[in-house]
Amino acid sequence: MSELRYEHITVDRAEELAGIEHSVFTTIDSSDLYDADGIAKLAANFPEGNFMVLDGDRAIGMGLGLLVDFDLDSPDHTLSEIAGEDGASAHDADHSWYYGTSIAVFPEYRGRGIGRRLYELRKQCVRDLGKRGIVAGGVLPGYVDHKDELTADEYIDRVKAGELYDPTLTFQIENGFEAHHALPGYLADESVDGNSVLIVWHNPDLANDGDVE
């Protein structure tokens, strides 16, 4: 296998990167996924906070986000409410939180530490910019197997306790994120009844900003 390269996203890669997300998140309605215009806007306005992974000349993964004004005391939201309908228009360089909108990697490249490296790049960006931390609505792919007997919050608590394994949430917890409560109606994904989980990472260079119930 060739050596993978991690670079900031570019406008000319927007169509290719959108294709990655659509091929990876097949249960999510396309209205809640990036199109090329949204990614191009991120590349133009916030390249330092958005990353792609290249194998040769082929993009095989990405980690996207924007800076938003997030209130830990009123944390409930949907993806479009926080990021804008295009996933990019809510970005403001003066805002204090990095909001992670997507991490997507082609399945055949998983298990190579790509997701972990993308999280490291996001965290370093936050520290370099002096922002308060990272917030996101994490997907819950494992919930599809438990939604008939557990509420989303019960499922999250079981994953946090180590009683259940979720491919995404368990990984995020292992990478230093705090998992909080479910975000119902966060995105259009019938497989998990629209649920995601609020996750938060605080910048260790700054004083702790408190917690979320």
Foldseek 3Di string as FASTA:
>chain_A
DADKDKAFDELVCLQLQQVQVCVFPVLFPCQLGAHSVLVNLCRVPPRQQKMFMDDPNHTFKIWDWAAAAADLAPHADAQCVTQNSNSPPRHDLPHAEIETRDIGGPPVPPPPCPVVVSVVSNLVSNVVSVHFWYKYFADFVPCLVPVVPDPQQRVQVCVVVVNDDTPTPVVVVVSAKDWDGKHALRGHRVSNNNITIMIIHGNPVDDHPDHHD
